[in-house]
Amino acid sequence: MRIKNFECGMIDYLPSSFKEYLLTNNMSEKIFNLKKNLDENSLDVVNSSLKKILHLPDAKYKNVFFYDEEELNKNFADSRCCYNSLMTIERYQYFMENYKFPYPSYDAEVLIFHHSLSDRSDKFKEYLQGKIFIDGGAYIGESVLVMLPYNPSKIFSFEISDTNIKNYLLTMQMNNVSCDKFELVKKGLSNVSCQKKIRDLHYEGVSEYIGSSDDADLVDFVSLDDFYFNDIPEREREREREREKEIGFIKADIEGSMISGLQGMEKIIKKFRPVCSFAIYHSPFEFFETKPLLEEYTKDLNYSFEIHNKVSFPDNIWGVTLFAYPTEIN
């Protein structure tokens, strides 16, 4: 028997509590809206996540909870708890040979599943070719490397951590990524253009909204709609006029601010009908409210919705992602 503390609880770093959310909302309605029109695999992800939310501790209480590893796995592991079987020595060697990073960073969901793009049909992938990709929450640039084989016209990466930005640029250099294929934007995604106080947590890849602090920085945020329709540099705007590039794919893993980020891309979604891959595991607001909001934006656009957790862990809901796309391309 191995008894030990939880390492992270339901989710790390963010102050919002899943359990407090459950107690203060009409959960029958919230759960119904989350599950509505999902396929069986997506429902399995939702049910597994709800079980963890109900029974596992919030991160802020992790130090006062202990668990037996065998019992935890028996009750909360599922078929997606496959990290060790996926990340074989051969796969590590492949990643080391094909993806160069300033330090080892091998996220299976990104490098194997490409934000859920890798297992889609040729027809699906053809829909993306030649279009602009958005990389919201760029971290150190792994997403750019896995997006490039889908032939985007350009990738716009949004990142607010100075440490991550430095490593992102190193990643581009180490992998010989042409400068005309990407542009790094030192801004976060939100519903309006504004500034917010952020504390950079560096290597952990997370920047936390803290209001004010001696070690916080004032960081620029922008709505994706404003950026695309108003703020793209003139050289890009000229290319847009010539080639009428559309936004084809939006990946956003923006550390708890998915709702405001989504509110800031409503025009783009309605105009271009992009494929969307949105991380929704950082907070209860993301988890329960992102899908209904995106459904509202796409109610006349014939979209399909899936919820993925390609590589899960028994003690948290890391990696749960809302994946949405125009139905006819599937």
C-alpha atoms as a PDB file:
ATOM      1  CA  MET A   1       0.000   0.000   0.000  1.00  0.00           C
ATOM      2  CA  ARG A   2       1.366   3.397  -1.019  1.00  0.00           C
ATOM      3  CA  ILE A   3      -0.175   6.290   0.938  1.00  0.00           C
ATOM      4  CA  LYS A   4       0.823   9.776  -0.172  1.00  0.00           C
ATOM      5  CA  ASN A   5      -0.380  13.340  -0.620  1.00  0.00           C
ATOM      6  CA  PHE A   6      -2.121  14.514  -3.750  1.00  0.00           C
ATOM      7  CA  GLU A   7       0.394  16.235  -5.985  1.00  0.00           C
ATOM      8  CA  CYS A   8      -1.994  18.729  -7.525  1.00  0.00           C
ATOM      9  CA  GLY A   9      -5.613  18.200  -6.574  1.00  0.00           C
ATOM     10  CA  MET A  10      -8.227  18.846  -9.253  1.00  0.00           C
ATOM     11  CA  ILE A  11      -6.207  21.621 -10.869  1.00  0.00           C
ATOM     12  CA  ASP A  12      -3.200  23.710  -9.942  1.00  0.00           C
ATOM     13  CA  TYR A  13      -2.525  27.396  -9.292  1.00  0.00           C
ATOM     14  CA  LEU A  14      -5.965  28.869  -9.946  1.00  0.00           C
ATOM     15  CA  PRO A  15      -8.047  30.048  -6.985  1.00  0.00           C
ATOM     16  CA  SER A  16     -11.499  29.033  -8.238  1.00  0.00           C
ATOM     17  CA  SER A  17     -13.044  25.944  -6.651  1.00  0.00           C
ATOM     18  CA  PHE A  18     -14.915  23.307  -8.614  1.00  0.00           C
ATOM     19  CA  LYS A  19     -16.812  22.243  -5.501  1.00  0.00           C
ATOM     20  CA  GLU A  20     -17.916  25.776  -4.635  1.00  0.00           C
ATOM     21  CA  TYR A  21     -19.130  26.114  -8.220  1.00  0.00           C
ATOM     22  CA  LEU A  22     -21.181  22.924  -7.836  1.00  0.00           C
ATOM     23  CA  LEU A  23     -22.811  24.277  -4.685  1.00  0.00           C
ATOM     24  CA  THR A  24     -23.729  27.677  -6.094  1.00  0.00           C
ATOM     25  CA  ASN A  25     -25.108  26.826  -9.546  1.00  0.00           C
ATOM     26  CA  ASN A  26     -28.004  24.955 -11.087  1.00  0.00           C
ATOM     27  CA  MET A  27     -25.918  21.903 -11.886  1.00  0.00           C
ATOM     28  CA  SER A  28     -28.676  19.879 -13.529  1.00  0.00           C
ATOM     29  CA  GLU A  29     -28.910  22.561 -16.174  1.00  0.00           C
ATOM     30  CA  LYS A  30     -25.139  23.044 -16.424  1.00  0.00           C
ATOM     31  CA  ILE A  31     -24.484  19.322 -16.858  1.00  0.00           C
ATOM     32  CA  PHE A  32     -27.322  18.935 -19.355  1.00  0.00           C
ATOM     33  CA  ASN A  33     -25.916  21.751 -21.489  1.00  0.00           C
ATOM     34  CA  LEU A  34     -22.411  20.328 -21.272  1.00  0.00           C
ATOM     35  CA  LYS A  35     -23.522  16.853 -22.399  1.00  0.00           C
ATOM     36  CA  LYS A  36     -26.032  17.941 -25.018  1.00  0.00           C
ATOM     37  CA  ASN A  37     -25.371  16.540 -28.530  1.00  0.00           C
ATOM     38  CA  LEU A  38     -22.079  14.880 -27.585  1.00  0.00           C
ATOM     39  CA  ASP A  39     -20.944  11.492 -28.894  1.00  0.00           C
ATOM     40  CA  GLU A  40     -20.320   8.512 -26.602  1.00  0.00           C
ATOM     41  CA  ASN A  41     -16.573   9.088 -26.302  1.00  0.00           C
ATOM     42  CA  SER A  42     -17.150  12.699 -25.295  1.00  0.00           C
ATOM     43  CA  LEU A  43     -19.778  11.686 -22.749  1.00  0.00           C
ATOM     44  CA  ASP A  44     -17.304   9.225 -21.272  1.00  0.00           C
ATOM     45  CA  VAL A  45     -14.768  12.036 -20.823  1.00  0.00           C
ATOM     46  CA  VAL A  46     -17.393  14.261 -19.204  1.00  0.00           C
ATOM     47  CA  ASN A  47     -18.595  11.538 -16.835  1.00  0.00           C
ATOM     48  CA  SER A  48     -15.062  10.624 -15.813  1.00  0.00           C
ATOM     49  CA  SER A  49     -14.269  14.301 -15.188  1.00  0.00           C
ATOM     50  CA  LEU A  50     -17.448  14.843 -13.159  1.00  0.00           C
ATOM     51  CA  LYS A  51     -16.594  11.864 -10.972  1.00  0.00           C
ATOM     52  CA  LYS A  52     -13.195  13.372 -10.196  1.00  0.00           C
ATOM     53  CA  ILE A  53     -14.687  16.817  -9.577  1.00  0.00           C
ATOM     54  CA  LEU A  54     -17.140  15.354  -7.072  1.00  0.00           C
ATOM     55  CA  HIS A  55     -14.737  13.132  -5.160  1.00  0.00           C
ATOM     56  CA  LEU A  56     -11.207  14.520  -5.417  1.00  0.00           C
ATOM     57  CA  PRO A  57      -9.947  17.562  -3.469  1.00  0.00           C
ATOM     58  CA  ASP A  58      -9.504  21.045  -4.853  1.00  0.00           C
ATOM     59  CA  ALA A  59      -5.868  21.993  -5.250  1.00  0.00           C
ATOM     60  CA  LYS A  60      -5.850  24.369  -2.279  1.00  0.00           C
ATOM     61  CA  TYR A  61      -6.693  21.451   0.038  1.00  0.00           C
ATOM     62  CA  LYS A  62      -4.334  18.905  -1.486  1.00  0.00           C
ATOM     63  CA  ASN A  63      -1.916  18.903   1.445  1.00  0.00           C
ATOM     64  CA  VAL A  64      -4.534  17.683   3.922  1.00  0.00           C
ATOM     65  CA  PHE A  65      -5.678  14.739   1.775  1.00  0.00           C
ATOM     66  CA  PHE A  66      -3.944  11.399   1.405  1.00  0.00           C
ATOM     67  CA  TYR A  67      -4.681   8.518  -0.914  1.00  0.00           C
ATOM     68  CA  ASP A  68      -3.760   4.943  -1.601  1.00  0.00           C
ATOM     69  CA  GLU A  69      -2.355   4.775  -5.107  1.00  0.00           C
ATOM     70  CA  GLU A  70      -3.859   1.375  -5.900  1.00  0.00           C
ATOM     71  CA  GLU A  71      -7.310   2.464  -4.732  1.00  0.00           C
ATOM     72  CA  LEU A  72      -7.080   5.744  -6.612  1.00  0.00           C
ATOM     73  CA  ASN A  73      -6.267   3.970  -9.854  1.00  0.00           C
ATOM     74  CA  LYS A  74      -9.021   1.405  -9.325  1.00  0.00           C
ATOM     75  CA  ASN A  75     -11.655   4.098  -8.844  1.00  0.00           C
ATOM     76  CA  PHE A  76     -10.541   6.916 -11.137  1.00  0.00           C
ATOM     77  CA  ALA A  77      -8.264   5.584 -13.874  1.00  0.00           C
ATOM     78  CA  ASP A  78      -9.787   4.994 -17.314  1.00  0.00           C
ATOM     79  CA  SER A  79      -8.651   3.883 -20.749  1.00  0.00           C
ATOM     80  CA  ARG A  80      -7.115   7.288 -21.417  1.00  0.00           C
ATOM     81  CA  CYS A  81      -4.660   6.954 -18.507  1.00  0.00           C
ATOM     82  CA  CYS A  82      -2.067   5.820 -21.003  1.00  0.00           C
ATOM     83  CA  TYR A  83       0.845   8.231 -20.650  1.00  0.00           C
ATOM     84  CA  ASN A  84       3.405   5.571 -19.679  1.00  0.00           C
ATOM     85  CA  SER A  85       2.387   3.240 -22.490  1.00  0.00           C
ATOM     86  CA  LEU A  86       2.453   6.063 -25.029  1.00  0.00           C
ATOM     87  CA  MET A  87       5.735   7.603 -23.982  1.00  0.00           C
ATOM     88  CA  THR A  88       7.992   4.663 -24.767  1.00  0.00           C
ATOM     89  CA  ILE A  89      11.753   4.927 -25.084  1.00  0.00           C
ATOM     90  CA  GLU A  90      11.345   4.750 -28.855  1.00  0.00           C
ATOM     91  CA  ARG A  91       8.868   7.624 -28.835  1.00  0.00           C
ATOM     92  CA  TYR A  92      11.118   9.722 -26.620  1.00  0.00           C
ATOM     93  CA  GLN A  93      13.957   9.106 -29.061  1.00  0.00           C
ATOM     94  CA  TYR A  94      11.730  10.101 -31.961  1.00  0.00           C
ATOM     95  CA  PHE A  95      10.734  13.332 -30.219  1.00  0.00           C
ATOM     96  CA  MET A  96      14.348  14.141 -29.350  1.00  0.00           C
ATOM     97  CA  GLU A  97      15.354  13.676 -32.981  1.00  0.00           C
ATOM     98  CA  ASN A  98      12.456  15.564 -34.541  1.00  0.00           C
ATOM     99  CA  TYR A  99      11.579  18.300 -32.021  1.00  0.00           C
ATOM    100  CA  LYS A 100      14.330  20.469 -30.561  1.00  0.00           C
ATOM    101  CA  PHE A 101      13.523  22.413 -27.363  1.00  0.00           C
ATOM    102  CA  PRO A 102      15.607  24.566 -25.016  1.00  0.00           C
ATOM    103  CA  TYR A 103      14.834  21.962 -22.335  1.00  0.00           C
ATOM    104  CA  PRO A 104      12.952  18.621 -22.418  1.00  0.00           C
ATOM    105  CA  SER A 105       9.224  19.257 -22.928  1.00  0.00           C
ATOM    106  CA  TYR A 106       7.302  16.284 -24.237  1.00  0.00           C
ATOM    107  CA  ASP A 107       3.569  16.847 -23.909  1.00  0.00           C
ATOM    108  CA  ALA A 108       1.941  13.733 -25.358  1.00  0.00           C
ATOM    109  CA  GLU A 109      -1.335  15.500 -26.152  1.00  0.00           C
ATOM    110  CA  VAL A 110       0.523  18.060 -28.254  1.00  0.00           C
ATOM    111  CA  LEU A 111       3.276  16.009 -29.874  1.00  0.00           C
ATOM    112  CA  ILE A 112       1.262  12.840 -30.533  1.00  0.00           C
ATOM    113  CA  PHE A 113      -2.288  14.089 -31.031  1.00  0.00           C
ATOM    114  CA  HIS A 114      -1.586  17.614 -32.354  1.00  0.00           C
ATOM    115  CA  HIS A 115      -4.453  19.192 -30.420  1.00  0.00           C
ATOM    116  CA  SER A 116      -6.774  16.492 -31.829  1.00  0.00           C
ATOM    117  CA  LEU A 117      -5.838  17.099 -35.474  1.00  0.00           C
ATOM    118  CA  SER A 118      -3.643  14.050 -36.061  1.00  0.00           C
ATOM    119  CA  ASP A 119      -6.436  11.475 -36.322  1.00  0.00           C
ATOM    120  CA  ARG A 120      -8.810  13.483 -38.524  1.00  0.00           C
ATOM    121  CA  SER A 121      -9.685  12.634 -42.127  1.00  0.00           C
ATOM    122  CA  ASP A 122      -7.930  13.961 -45.218  1.00  0.00           C
ATOM    123  CA  LYS A 123     -11.048  16.002 -45.969  1.00  0.00           C
ATOM    124  CA  PHE A 124     -10.815  17.560 -42.505  1.00  0.00           C
ATOM    125  CA  LYS A 125      -7.154  18.432 -42.963  1.00  0.00           C
ATOM    126  CA  GLU A 126      -7.746  19.860 -46.441  1.00  0.00           C
ATOM    127  CA  TYR A 127     -10.152  22.369 -44.878  1.00  0.00           C
ATOM    128  CA  LEU A 128      -7.228  23.794 -42.893  1.00  0.00           C
ATOM    129  CA  GLN A 129      -4.636  24.083 -45.635  1.00  0.00           C
ATOM    130  CA  GLY A 130      -3.476  27.552 -46.576  1.00  0.00           C
ATOM    131  CA  LYS A 131      -5.378  29.219 -43.734  1.00  0.00           C
ATOM    132  CA  ILE A 132      -4.145  31.164 -40.737  1.00  0.00           C
ATOM    133  CA  PHE A 133      -3.696  29.240 -37.474  1.00  0.00           C
ATOM    134  CA  ILE A 134      -3.992  30.832 -34.024  1.00  0.00           C
ATOM    135  CA  ASP A 135      -1.835  29.499 -31.183  1.00  0.00           C
ATOM    136  CA  GLY A 136      -3.297  30.957 -27.983  1.00  0.00           C
ATOM    137  CA  GLY A 137      -1.004  30.280 -25.028  1.00  0.00           C
ATOM    138  CA  ALA A 138       2.090  29.431 -27.061  1.00  0.00           C
ATOM    139  CA  TYR A 139       4.303  28.292 -24.146  1.00  0.00           C
ATOM    140  CA  ILE A 140       7.677  27.364 -25.736  1.00  0.00           C
ATOM    141  CA  GLY A 141       6.418  26.701 -29.249  1.00  0.00           C
ATOM    142  CA  GLU A 142       5.588  22.961 -29.339  1.00  0.00           C
ATOM    143  CA  SER A 143       2.238  23.721 -30.936  1.00  0.00           C
ATOM    144  CA  VAL A 144       3.845  25.589 -33.817  1.00  0.00           C
ATOM    145  CA  LEU A 145       5.990  22.551 -34.638  1.00  0.00           C
ATOM    146  CA  VAL A 146       3.001  20.201 -34.804  1.00  0.00           C
ATOM    147  CA  MET A 147       0.824  22.718 -36.687  1.00  0.00           C
ATOM    148  CA  LEU A 148       3.294  23.262 -39.538  1.00  0.00           C
ATOM    149  CA  PRO A 149       2.625  19.913 -41.296  1.00  0.00           C
ATOM    150  CA  TYR A 150      -1.015  20.996 -41.786  1.00  0.00           C
ATOM    151  CA  ASN A 151       0.244  23.720 -44.156  1.00  0.00           C
ATOM    152  CA  PRO A 152      -1.035  26.921 -42.548  1.00  0.00           C
ATOM    153  CA  SER A 153      -0.316  30.152 -44.363  1.00  0.00           C
ATOM    154  CA  LYS A 154       0.964  31.542 -41.075  1.00  0.00           C
ATOM    155  CA  ILE A 155       0.725  30.871 -37.336  1.00  0.00           C
ATOM    156  CA  PHE A 156       0.076  33.734 -34.930  1.00  0.00           C
ATOM    157  CA  SER A 157       1.237  32.765 -31.436  1.00  0.00           C
ATOM    158  CA  PHE A 158       0.049  34.653 -28.335  1.00  0.00           C
ATOM    159  CA  GLU A 159       2.147  34.432 -25.159  1.00  0.00           C
ATOM    160  CA  ILE A 160       2.571  36.712 -22.141  1.00  0.00           C
ATOM    161  CA  SER A 161       5.398  35.086 -20.161  1.00  0.00           C
ATOM    162  CA  ASP A 162       8.800  36.641 -20.871  1.00  0.00           C
ATOM    163  CA  THR A 163      10.473  33.356 -19.965  1.00  0.00           C
ATOM    164  CA  ASN A 164       8.249  31.387 -22.338  1.00  0.00           C
ATOM    165  CA  ILE A 165       8.754  33.953 -25.099  1.00  0.00           C
ATOM    166  CA  LYS A 166      12.531  33.624 -24.833  1.00  0.00           C
ATOM    167  CA  ASN A 167      12.276  29.833 -25.053  1.00  0.00           C
ATOM    168  CA  TYR A 168       9.688  29.997 -27.851  1.00  0.00           C
ATOM    169  CA  LEU A 169      12.104  31.992 -30.010  1.00  0.00           C
ATOM    170  CA  LEU A 170      14.865  29.511 -29.216  1.00  0.00           C
ATOM    171  CA  THR A 171      12.564  26.660 -30.255  1.00  0.00           C
ATOM    172  CA  MET A 172      11.891  28.347 -33.601  1.00  0.00           C
ATOM    173  CA  GLN A 173      15.621  28.857 -34.120  1.00  0.00           C
ATOM    174  CA  MET A 174      16.591  25.306 -33.081  1.00  0.00           C
ATOM    175  CA  ASN A 175      14.024  23.812 -35.475  1.00  0.00           C
ATOM    176  CA  ASN A 176      14.854  26.151 -38.382  1.00  0.00           C
ATOM    177  CA  VAL A 177      11.298  27.447 -38.620  1.00  0.00           C
ATOM    178  CA  SER A 178      11.097  30.091 -41.324  1.00  0.00           C
ATOM    179  CA  CYS A 179      10.261  33.554 -40.000  1.00  0.00           C
ATOM    180  CA  ASP A 180       7.485  33.960 -42.537  1.00  0.00           C
ATOM    181  CA  LYS A 181       5.591  30.994 -41.039  1.00  0.00           C
ATOM    182  CA  PHE A 182       5.028  32.410 -37.566  1.00  0.00           C
ATOM    183  CA  GLU A 183       4.596  35.635 -35.659  1.00  0.00           C
ATOM    184  CA  LEU A 184       4.877  35.874 -31.878  1.00  0.00           C
ATOM    185  CA  VAL A 185       2.506  38.351 -30.270  1.00  0.00           C
ATOM    186  CA  LYS A 186       3.341  39.368 -26.689  1.00  0.00           C
ATOM    187  CA  LYS A 187      -0.280  39.688 -25.646  1.00  0.00           C
ATOM    188  CA  GLY A 188      -2.881  37.567 -23.925  1.00  0.00           C
ATOM    189  CA  LEU A 189      -6.290  36.815 -25.411  1.00  0.00           C
ATOM    190  CA  SER A 190      -9.316  38.416 -23.781  1.00  0.00           C
ATOM    191  CA  ASN A 191     -12.690  39.926 -24.661  1.00  0.00           C
ATOM    192  CA  VAL A 192     -11.323  43.485 -24.911  1.00  0.00           C
ATOM    193  CA  SER A 193      -7.994  45.166 -25.414  1.00  0.00           C
ATOM    194  CA  CYS A 194      -6.706  46.031 -21.953  1.00  0.00           C
ATOM    195  CA  GLN A 195      -3.901  45.573 -19.433  1.00  0.00           C
ATOM    196  CA  LYS A 196      -3.904  43.210 -16.467  1.00  0.00           C
ATOM    197  CA  LYS A 197      -1.547  42.467 -13.594  1.00  0.00           C
ATOM    198  CA  ILE A 198       0.097  39.079 -14.103  1.00  0.00           C
ATOM    199  CA  ARG A 199       2.687  37.140 -12.132  1.00  0.00           C
ATOM    200  CA  ASP A 200       4.942  35.127 -14.415  1.00  0.00           C
ATOM    201  CA  LEU A 201       5.375  31.588 -13.074  1.00  0.00           C
ATOM    202  CA  HIS A 202       8.127  30.898 -15.606  1.00  0.00           C
ATOM    203  CA  TYR A 203       8.912  27.233 -16.271  1.00  0.00           C
ATOM    204  CA  GLU A 204       5.521  26.017 -15.084  1.00  0.00           C
ATOM    205  CA  GLY A 205       3.968  27.582 -18.155  1.00  0.00           C
ATOM    206  CA  VAL A 206       1.227  29.337 -16.220  1.00  0.00           C
ATOM    207  CA  SER A 207       0.629  33.018 -15.592  1.00  0.00           C
ATOM    208  CA  GLU A 208      -1.742  33.733 -12.754  1.00  0.00           C
ATOM    209  CA  TYR A 209      -4.250  36.574 -12.537  1.00  0.00           C
ATOM    210  CA  ILE A 210      -3.508  38.158  -9.164  1.00  0.00           C
ATOM    211  CA  GLY A 211      -4.799  41.751  -9.318  1.00  0.00           C
ATOM    212  CA  SER A 212      -1.794  43.436  -7.765  1.00  0.00           C
ATOM    213  CA  SER A 213       1.503  42.312  -6.302  1.00  0.00           C
ATOM    214  CA  ASP A 214       5.069  43.524  -5.967  1.00  0.00           C
ATOM    215  CA  ASP A 215       6.224  40.800  -8.363  1.00  0.00           C
ATOM    216  CA  ALA A 216       3.400  41.267 -10.900  1.00  0.00           C
ATOM    217  CA  ASP A 217       3.830  42.768 -14.342  1.00  0.00           C
ATOM    218  CA  LEU A 218       1.367  44.870 -16.319  1.00  0.00           C
ATOM    219  CA  VAL A 219       0.603  42.791 -19.407  1.00  0.00           C
ATOM    220  CA  ASP A 220      -1.263  43.672 -22.606  1.00  0.00           C
ATOM    221  CA  PHE A 221      -4.345  41.710 -23.632  1.00  0.00           C
ATOM    222  CA  VAL A 222      -6.268  41.892 -26.893  1.00  0.00           C
ATOM    223  CA  SER A 223      -9.390  40.377 -28.358  1.00  0.00           C
ATOM    224  CA  LEU A 224      -8.664  38.145 -31.318  1.00  0.00           C
ATOM    225  CA  ASP A 225     -11.308  40.027 -33.290  1.00  0.00           C
ATOM    226  CA  ASP A 226      -9.523  43.337 -32.713  1.00  0.00           C
ATOM    227  CA  PHE A 227      -6.157  41.834 -33.502  1.00  0.00           C
ATOM    228  CA  TYR A 228      -7.232  40.264 -36.769  1.00  0.00           C
ATOM    229  CA  PHE A 229      -9.551  42.918 -38.134  1.00  0.00           C
ATOM    230  CA  ASN A 230      -7.715  45.996 -36.818  1.00  0.00           C
ATOM    231  CA  ASP A 231      -4.217  45.256 -35.523  1.00  0.00           C
ATOM    232  CA  ILE A 232      -2.492  42.861 -37.957  1.00  0.00           C
ATOM    233  CA  PRO A 233       0.650  44.647 -39.189  1.00  0.00           C
ATOM    234  CA  GLU A 234       0.296  46.385 -42.523  1.00  0.00           C
ATOM    235  CA  ARG A 235       2.474  43.866 -44.366  1.00  0.00           C
ATOM    236  CA  GLU A 236       0.057  41.134 -43.297  1.00  0.00           C
ATOM    237  CA  ARG A 237      -2.997  43.213 -44.093  1.00  0.00           C
ATOM    238  CA  GLU A 238      -1.719  43.609 -47.669  1.00  0.00           C
ATOM    239  CA  ARG A 239      -1.352  39.848 -47.948  1.00  0.00           C
ATOM    240  CA  GLU A 240      -4.874  39.437 -46.650  1.00  0.00           C
ATOM    241  CA  ARG A 241      -6.189  41.703 -49.408  1.00  0.00           C
ATOM    242  CA  GLU A 242      -4.279  39.746 -52.045  1.00  0.00           C
ATOM    243  CA  ARG A 243      -5.020  36.216 -50.926  1.00  0.00           C
ATOM    244  CA  GLU A 244      -8.051  36.600 -48.633  1.00  0.00           C
ATOM    245  CA  LYS A 245      -6.634  34.287 -46.010  1.00  0.00           C
ATOM    246  CA  GLU A 246      -9.125  32.884 -43.570  1.00  0.00           C
ATOM    247  CA  ILE A 247      -8.525  31.744 -40.013  1.00  0.00           C
ATOM    248  CA  GLY A 248      -8.864  27.972 -40.181  1.00  0.00           C
ATOM    249  CA  PHE A 249      -7.762  26.743 -36.756  1.00  0.00           C
ATOM    250  CA  ILE A 250      -7.804  28.274 -33.270  1.00  0.00           C
ATOM    251  CA  LYS A 251      -6.031  26.495 -30.448  1.00  0.00           C
ATOM    252  CA  ALA A 252      -6.392  28.201 -27.068  1.00  0.00           C
ATOM    253  CA  ASP A 253      -4.930  26.954 -23.801  1.00  0.00           C
ATOM    254  CA  ILE A 254      -5.013  30.209 -21.875  1.00  0.00           C
ATOM    255  CA  GLU A 255      -4.909  29.231 -18.232  1.00  0.00           C
ATOM    256  CA  GLY A 256      -8.417  29.877 -16.985  1.00  0.00           C
ATOM    257  CA  SER A 257      -9.438  32.792 -19.198  1.00  0.00           C
ATOM    258  CA  MET A 258     -11.129  30.796 -21.958  1.00  0.00           C
ATOM    259  CA  ILE A 259     -14.525  32.451 -21.504  1.00  0.00           C
ATOM    260  CA  SER A 260     -13.219  35.990 -22.007  1.00  0.00           C
ATOM    261  CA  GLY A 261     -10.913  34.759 -24.767  1.00  0.00           C
ATOM    262  CA  LEU A 262     -13.855  33.173 -26.579  1.00  0.00           C
ATOM    263  CA  GLN A 263     -15.948  36.325 -26.179  1.00  0.00           C
ATOM    264  CA  GLY A 264     -13.161  38.145 -28.009  1.00  0.00           C
ATOM    265  CA  MET A 265     -13.272  35.916 -31.093  1.00  0.00           C
ATOM    266  CA  GLU A 266     -17.020  35.830 -31.832  1.00  0.00           C
ATOM    267  CA  LYS A 267     -16.702  37.744 -35.125  1.00  0.00           C
ATOM    268  CA  ILE A 268     -13.907  35.505 -36.398  1.00  0.00           C
ATOM    269  CA  ILE A 269     -15.839  32.342 -35.564  1.00  0.00           C
ATOM    270  CA  LYS A 270     -18.962  33.571 -37.329  1.00  0.00           C
ATOM    271  CA  LYS A 271     -17.050  34.809 -40.375  1.00  0.00           C
ATOM    272  CA  PHE A 272     -14.555  31.988 -40.956  1.00  0.00           C
ATOM    273  CA  ARG A 273     -16.027  28.897 -39.206  1.00  0.00           C
ATOM    274  CA  PRO A 274     -12.632  27.721 -37.898  1.00  0.00           C
ATOM    275  CA  VAL A 275     -11.842  24.427 -36.232  1.00  0.00           C
ATOM    276  CA  CYS A 276     -11.478  25.135 -32.495  1.00  0.00           C
ATOM    277  CA  SER A 277      -9.468  23.331 -29.827  1.00  0.00           C
ATOM    278  CA  PHE A 278     -10.056  24.956 -26.431  1.00  0.00           C
ATOM    279  CA  ALA A 279      -8.584  23.755 -23.121  1.00  0.00           C
ATOM    280  CA  ILE A 280     -11.403  23.834 -20.543  1.00  0.00           C
ATOM    281  CA  TYR A 281      -9.840  22.206 -17.469  1.00  0.00           C
ATOM    282  CA  HIS A 282      -8.336  25.159 -15.605  1.00  0.00           C
ATOM    283  CA  SER A 283     -11.481  26.343 -13.832  1.00  0.00           C
ATOM    284  CA  PRO A 284     -15.137  25.391 -13.376  1.00  0.00           C
ATOM    285  CA  PHE A 285     -16.151  28.382 -15.513  1.00  0.00           C
ATOM    286  CA  GLU A 286     -14.113  27.070 -18.434  1.00  0.00           C
ATOM    287  CA  PHE A 287     -15.295  23.509 -17.931  1.00  0.00           C
ATOM    288  CA  PHE A 288     -19.036  24.127 -17.776  1.00  0.00           C
ATOM    289  CA  GLU A 289     -19.528  27.360 -19.703  1.00  0.00           C
ATOM    290  CA  THR A 290     -17.228  27.298 -22.750  1.00  0.00           C
ATOM    291  CA  LYS A 291     -19.284  24.807 -24.754  1.00  0.00           C
ATOM    292  CA  PRO A 292     -22.678  26.565 -24.254  1.00  0.00           C
ATOM    293  CA  LEU A 293     -21.125  29.903 -25.232  1.00  0.00           C
ATOM    294  CA  LEU A 294     -19.511  28.476 -28.370  1.00  0.00           C
ATOM    295  CA  GLU A 295     -22.805  26.743 -29.221  1.00  0.00           C
ATOM    296  CA  GLU A 296     -24.548  30.100 -29.001  1.00  0.00           C
ATOM    297  CA  TYR A 297     -22.022  31.650 -31.410  1.00  0.00           C
ATOM    298  CA  THR A 298     -22.321  28.753 -33.876  1.00  0.00           C
ATOM    299  CA  LYS A 299     -26.055  27.996 -33.632  1.00  0.00           C
ATOM    300  CA  ASP A 300     -26.587  28.860 -37.304  1.00  0.00           C
ATOM    301  CA  LEU A 301     -23.212  27.554 -38.543  1.00  0.00           C
ATOM    302  CA  ASN A 302     -23.739  23.761 -38.474  1.00  0.00           C
ATOM    303  CA  TYR A 303     -21.016  22.856 -35.970  1.00  0.00           C
ATOM    304  CA  SER A 304     -20.243  19.560 -34.245  1.00  0.00           C
ATOM    305  CA  PHE A 305     -18.788  19.344 -30.739  1.00  0.00           C
ATOM    306  CA  GLU A 306     -16.558  16.813 -29.033  1.00  0.00           C
ATOM    307  CA  ILE A 307     -14.850  16.797 -25.642  1.00  0.00           C
ATOM    308  CA  HIS A 308     -11.443  15.119 -25.566  1.00  0.00           C
ATOM    309  CA  ASN A 309      -8.982  14.008 -22.941  1.00  0.00           C
ATOM    310  CA  LYS A 310      -6.470  12.126 -25.025  1.00  0.00           C
ATOM    311  CA  VAL A 311      -4.091  11.461 -22.137  1.00  0.00           C
ATOM    312  CA  SER A 312      -5.708  11.570 -18.697  1.00  0.00           C
ATOM    313  CA  PHE A 313      -4.521  11.032 -15.129  1.00  0.00           C
ATOM    314  CA  PRO A 314      -6.514   9.540 -12.240  1.00  0.00           C
ATOM    315  CA  ASP A 315      -6.036  12.453  -9.820  1.00  0.00           C
ATOM    316  CA  ASN A 316      -7.003  15.455 -11.985  1.00  0.00           C
ATOM    317  CA  ILE A 317      -8.773  16.603 -15.151  1.00  0.00           C
ATOM    318  CA  TRP A 318      -5.752  18.030 -16.934  1.00  0.00           C
ATOM    319  CA  GLY A 319      -6.035  18.076 -20.684  1.00  0.00           C
ATOM    320  CA  VAL A 320      -9.829  18.155 -21.070  1.00  0.00           C
ATOM    321  CA  THR A 321     -10.432  19.981 -24.343  1.00  0.00           C
ATOM    322  CA  LEU A 322     -13.468  21.203 -26.260  1.00  0.00           C
ATOM    323  CA  PHE A 323     -13.051  20.397 -29.948  1.00  0.00           C
ATOM    324  CA  ALA A 324     -15.493  21.984 -32.419  1.00  0.00           C
ATOM    325  CA  TYR A 325     -15.658  22.063 -36.209  1.00  0.00           C
ATOM    326  CA  PRO A 326     -17.989  22.561 -39.187  1.00  0.00           C
ATOM    327  CA  THR A 327     -19.948  19.328 -39.450  1.00  0.00           C
ATOM    328  CA  GLU A 328     -19.488  18.859 -43.186  1.00  0.00           C
ATOM    329  CA  ILE A 329     -15.694  18.489 -43.006  1.00  0.00           C
ATOM    330  CA  ASN A 330     -15.720  15.437 -40.749  1.00  0.00           C
END
